[in-house]
């Protein structure tokens, strides 16, 4: 989905599934990932990862803490951390991101396949002007993608002043005029069990700038999991109920 050596943006309104989409991909892609998590604390991300891996709702993962089931949870998360490294700095700097990538290379001997920044607004400002700071951040992340040949994915907000709040916003709704540098911009929105994704910018392929024809997949929000079809989602839920 995300091409190496390119800068991508996953954009959406607050609470509409940006992190769900990005973190689900990070956990399930099978590739080494460095995830800068400025938007949630470490415990929250561990609970989300546990829900995906054990196919148990997040609320039940929380209830496992301090019980015999916590051993199973910790084993699953420990195995995941061999591949997915999470950096929980709430206000990372651009220099700090570069330093963490360099440290990753020193430890593992290679760059990660994907570097996630969740989210763009949390990067420490390089300018008193908010929009100038965002553009500076995008420029640095674009260079990072080229230098490391990693896929760099920045999460960002769209305007909340849209006519269809449960639907992906068009490219013009992406805040801060950061549309120039990314090769791909995905606008996302969760609406109940449906999860809509529109490629509002796609430099190497077909784009849908007005988000008129999004792709729809399906979401089990309690376990932070995505599925290609409604049938897959229903089968997943049935199996979970049996267990």
Protein backbone atom coordinates (compact mmCIF):
# COMPACT_ATOMS: atom_id res chain seq x y z
CA UNK A 1 0.00 0.00 0.00
CA UNK A 2 2.72 2.47 0.99
CA UNK A 3 5.67 2.68 -1.42
CA UNK A 4 9.19 2.88 -0.09
CA UNK A 5 11.08 6.09 -0.75
CA UNK A 6 7.87 8.12 -0.85
CA UNK A 7 6.05 10.46 1.54
CA UNK A 8 2.42 9.65 2.25
CA UNK A 9 -0.24 11.45 4.26
CA UNK A 10 -3.22 9.79 5.95
CA UNK A 11 -5.71 12.56 6.65
CA UNK A 12 -9.04 12.68 8.42
CA UNK A 13 -11.12 14.42 11.02
CA UNK A 14 -10.31 13.82 14.71
CA UNK A 15 -11.67 10.50 15.93
CA UNK A 16 -12.46 9.16 12.45
CA UNK A 17 -9.90 6.39 12.33
CA UNK A 18 -6.53 7.75 11.17
CA UNK A 19 -4.60 5.97 13.91
CA UNK A 20 -6.73 2.83 13.60
CA UNK A 21 -5.88 2.65 9.89
CA UNK A 22 -2.18 3.41 10.28
CA UNK A 23 -1.53 1.23 13.32
CA UNK A 24 -3.51 -1.68 11.89
CA UNK A 25 -1.24 -1.53 8.84
CA UNK A 26 1.90 -1.28 11.01
CA UNK A 27 0.90 -4.35 13.03
CA UNK A 28 -0.24 -6.45 10.06
CA UNK A 29 2.12 -5.52 7.22
CA UNK A 30 4.79 -8.04 8.22
CA UNK A 31 7.58 -5.48 7.62
CA UNK A 32 9.89 -3.68 10.06
CA UNK A 33 8.23 -0.47 11.23
CA UNK A 34 9.25 2.57 13.28
CA UNK A 35 6.14 4.26 14.69
CA UNK A 36 6.41 7.75 16.23
CA UNK A 37 3.41 7.85 18.51
CA UNK A 38 2.84 11.40 19.70
CA UNK A 39 -0.94 11.16 19.86
CA UNK A 40 -1.47 8.37 22.45
CA UNK A 41 0.42 7.02 25.45
CA UNK A 42 2.38 3.77 25.43
CA UNK A 43 -0.25 1.86 27.43
CA UNK A 44 -3.00 2.80 24.99
CA UNK A 45 -0.96 1.61 22.02
CA UNK A 46 -0.07 -1.63 23.78
CA UNK A 47 -3.75 -2.28 24.49
CA UNK A 48 -4.63 -1.63 20.85
CA UNK A 49 -1.88 -3.94 19.64
CA UNK A 50 -3.06 -6.64 22.05
CA UNK A 51 -6.62 -6.31 20.78
CA UNK A 52 -5.49 -6.83 17.17
CA UNK A 53 -3.14 -9.70 17.95
CA UNK A 54 -5.40 -11.65 20.33
CA UNK A 55 -8.66 -10.71 18.58
CA UNK A 56 -10.10 -9.46 21.86
CA UNK A 57 -11.81 -6.07 22.40
CA UNK A 58 -9.66 -3.34 23.88
CA UNK A 59 -11.85 -3.20 27.01
CA UNK A 60 -11.15 -6.91 27.63
CA UNK A 61 -7.43 -6.39 27.03
CA UNK A 62 -7.48 -3.77 29.78
CA UNK A 63 -9.27 -6.25 32.07
CA UNK A 64 -6.50 -8.82 31.47
CA UNK A 65 -3.98 -6.58 33.22
CA UNK A 66 -3.07 -8.06 36.60
CA UNK A 67 -4.59 -11.48 35.80
CA UNK A 68 -3.14 -14.77 34.53
CA UNK A 69 -4.12 -13.71 31.02
CA UNK A 70 -1.57 -10.90 31.12
CA UNK A 71 1.21 -13.40 30.37
CA UNK A 72 -0.41 -14.25 27.03
CA UNK A 73 -0.83 -10.55 26.31
CA UNK A 74 2.75 -9.66 27.15
CA UNK A 75 4.08 -12.56 25.06
CA UNK A 76 2.13 -11.34 22.02
CA UNK A 77 3.27 -7.74 22.43
CA UNK A 78 6.89 -8.78 23.03
CA UNK A 79 6.89 -10.72 19.76
CA UNK A 80 5.43 -7.72 17.93
CA UNK A 81 8.11 -5.36 19.28
CA UNK A 82 10.74 -7.41 17.46
CA UNK A 83 9.34 -5.89 14.26
CA UNK A 84 7.39 -2.77 15.28
CA UNK A 85 9.26 -0.18 17.36
CA UNK A 86 7.10 2.50 18.99
CA UNK A 87 8.56 5.84 20.07
CA UNK A 88 6.10 7.56 22.45
CA UNK A 89 7.44 11.14 22.44
CA UNK A 90 4.41 13.51 22.67
CA UNK A 91 6.30 16.38 20.98
CA UNK A 92 9.03 14.97 18.73
CA UNK A 93 11.39 17.35 16.96
CA UNK A 94 12.54 16.84 13.39
CA UNK A 95 16.09 16.35 14.65
CA UNK A 96 14.79 13.82 17.16
CA UNK A 97 13.03 11.84 14.43
CA UNK A 98 16.23 11.71 12.39
CA UNK A 99 18.21 10.61 15.47
CA UNK A 100 15.75 7.80 16.25
CA UNK A 101 15.95 6.56 12.66
CA UNK A 102 19.75 6.55 12.89
CA UNK A 103 19.55 4.66 16.19
CA UNK A 104 17.23 2.12 14.56
CA UNK A 105 19.76 1.56 11.77
CA UNK A 106 22.56 1.09 14.31
CA UNK A 107 20.56 -1.56 16.17
CA UNK A 108 19.04 -3.45 13.23
CA UNK A 109 21.53 -2.74 10.46
CA UNK A 110 18.88 -1.45 8.06
CA UNK A 111 16.25 1.25 7.73
CA UNK A 112 12.67 0.35 8.57
CA UNK A 113 10.36 -0.40 5.67
CA UNK A 114 7.91 2.18 7.02
CA UNK A 115 8.16 5.18 9.33
CA UNK A 116 4.89 6.49 10.77
CA UNK A 117 4.49 9.94 12.34
CA UNK A 118 1.26 10.13 14.35
CA UNK A 119 0.58 12.94 13.97
CA UNK A 120 1.98 15.89 12.04
CA UNK A 121 0.53 18.56 14.34
CA UNK A 122 2.48 17.12 17.30
CA UNK A 123 5.91 17.72 15.77
CA UNK A 124 7.62 20.52 17.65
CA UNK A 125 7.21 23.71 15.61
CA UNK A 126 10.17 25.06 13.68
CA UNK A 127 8.46 28.43 13.19
CA UNK A 128 6.12 30.77 15.03
CA UNK A 129 3.85 30.50 12.01
CA UNK A 130 1.90 27.22 12.31
CA UNK A 131 1.53 26.66 8.57
CA UNK A 132 5.19 27.45 7.89
CA UNK A 133 6.11 24.90 10.56
CA UNK A 134 3.93 22.26 8.92
CA UNK A 135 5.49 22.86 5.54
CA UNK A 136 8.98 22.65 7.08
CA UNK A 137 8.01 19.33 8.68
CA UNK A 138 6.70 17.97 5.40
CA UNK A 139 9.90 18.99 3.63
CA UNK A 140 12.02 17.20 6.22
CA UNK A 141 9.87 14.06 6.09
CA UNK A 142 9.99 14.06 2.30
CA UNK A 143 13.79 14.18 2.48
CA UNK A 144 13.76 11.42 5.11
CA UNK A 145 11.81 9.15 2.75
CA UNK A 146 14.31 9.72 -0.05
CA UNK A 147 17.38 9.33 2.17
CA UNK A 148 16.23 6.14 3.93
CA UNK A 149 14.18 4.65 1.06
CA UNK A 150 11.52 3.98 3.68
CA UNK A 151 7.85 4.68 3.21
CA UNK A 152 7.18 7.70 5.43
CA UNK A 153 3.55 8.09 6.50
CA UNK A 154 2.42 11.24 8.31
CA UNK A 155 -1.02 11.41 9.91
CA UNK A 156 -2.76 14.76 9.63
CA UNK A 157 -6.12 16.47 10.09
CA UNK A 158 -8.76 17.51 7.62
CA UNK A 159 -11.13 20.38 8.26
CA UNK A 160 -14.11 19.58 10.48
CA UNK A 161 -16.23 21.95 8.43
CA UNK A 162 -17.29 19.42 5.78
CA UNK A 163 -20.71 18.51 4.46
CA UNK A 164 -20.28 14.75 5.04
CA UNK A 165 -18.64 14.21 8.46
CA UNK A 166 -18.63 10.38 8.19
CA UNK A 167 -17.07 10.46 4.74
CA UNK A 168 -13.52 11.22 3.55
CA UNK A 169 -12.90 14.89 2.90
CA UNK A 170 -11.61 16.16 -0.46
CA UNK A 171 -7.98 17.16 -0.93
CA UNK A 172 -8.82 20.82 -0.32
CA UNK A 173 -9.94 19.91 3.21
CA UNK A 174 -6.43 18.79 4.25
CA UNK A 175 -5.27 21.44 6.69
CA UNK A 176 -2.17 23.60 6.40
CA UNK A 177 -1.54 23.57 2.66
CA UNK A 178 0.73 20.53 2.96
CA UNK A 179 -0.45 18.90 -0.27
CA UNK A 180 2.51 19.72 -2.50
CA UNK A 181 5.23 17.28 -1.38
CA UNK A 182 3.47 13.96 -0.58
CA UNK A 183 3.30 11.47 -3.42
CA UNK A 184 0.08 10.04 -1.98
CA UNK A 185 -2.62 11.51 0.27
CA UNK A 186 -5.29 9.18 1.62
CA UNK A 187 -8.40 10.73 3.14
CA UNK A 188 -10.12 8.36 5.58
CA UNK A 189 -13.28 8.20 7.67
CA UNK A 190 -14.97 5.51 9.76
CA UNK A 191 -18.75 5.31 9.70
CA UNK A 192 -19.87 2.50 12.00
CA UNK A 193 -18.65 -0.78 10.52
CA UNK A 194 -17.67 0.90 7.27
CA UNK A 195 -14.26 2.45 6.74
CA UNK A 196 -13.84 4.66 3.69
CA UNK A 197 -10.49 5.45 2.02
CA UNK A 198 -10.07 7.93 -0.85
CA UNK A 199 -6.78 8.56 -2.66
CA UNK A 200 -7.28 12.29 -3.03
CA UNK A 201 -3.73 12.59 -4.38
CA UNK A 202 -1.79 9.89 -6.19
CA UNK A 203 1.20 11.10 -8.16
CA UNK A 204 1.81 7.70 -9.80
CA UNK A 205 -1.75 6.61 -10.45
CA UNK A 206 -5.42 7.44 -10.50
CA UNK A 207 -6.56 10.01 -7.94
CA UNK A 208 -9.94 10.99 -6.53
CA UNK A 209 -9.35 14.61 -5.40
CA UNK A 210 -12.97 15.21 -4.40
CA UNK A 211 -13.31 11.87 -2.57
CA UNK A 212 -16.27 10.97 -4.75
CA UNK A 213 -15.43 7.27 -5.19
CA UNK A 214 -13.72 6.00 -2.04
CA UNK A 215 -12.84 2.39 -1.43
CA UNK A 216 -14.88 0.91 1.42
CA UNK A 217 -13.53 -1.74 3.74
CA UNK A 218 -14.99 -2.91 7.03
CA UNK A 219 -13.99 -2.28 10.60
CA UNK A 220 -14.31 -4.05 13.92
CA UNK A 221 -13.70 -1.06 16.17
CA UNK A 222 -13.46 -3.00 19.48
CA UNK A 223 -10.42 -4.91 18.18
CA UNK A 224 -9.07 -2.12 15.93
CA UNK A 225 -9.19 -4.47 12.92
CA UNK A 226 -9.97 -3.97 9.22
CA UNK A 227 -11.40 -6.40 6.66
CA UNK A 228 -11.83 -6.40 2.89
CA UNK A 229 -15.50 -7.40 2.94
CA UNK A 230 -18.55 -7.45 5.18
CA UNK A 231 -18.51 -11.26 4.99
CA UNK A 232 -14.97 -11.36 6.39
CA UNK A 233 -16.00 -9.06 9.23
CA UNK A 234 -19.06 -11.14 10.10
CA UNK A 235 -17.03 -14.38 10.05
CA UNK A 236 -14.42 -12.79 12.29
CA UNK A 237 -17.06 -11.73 14.79
CA UNK A 238 -18.69 -15.15 14.74
CA UNK A 239 -15.38 -16.86 15.47
CA UNK A 240 -14.65 -14.41 18.25
CA UNK A 241 -18.01 -15.15 19.88
CA UNK A 242 -17.29 -18.91 19.74
CA UNK A 243 -14.01 -18.35 21.55
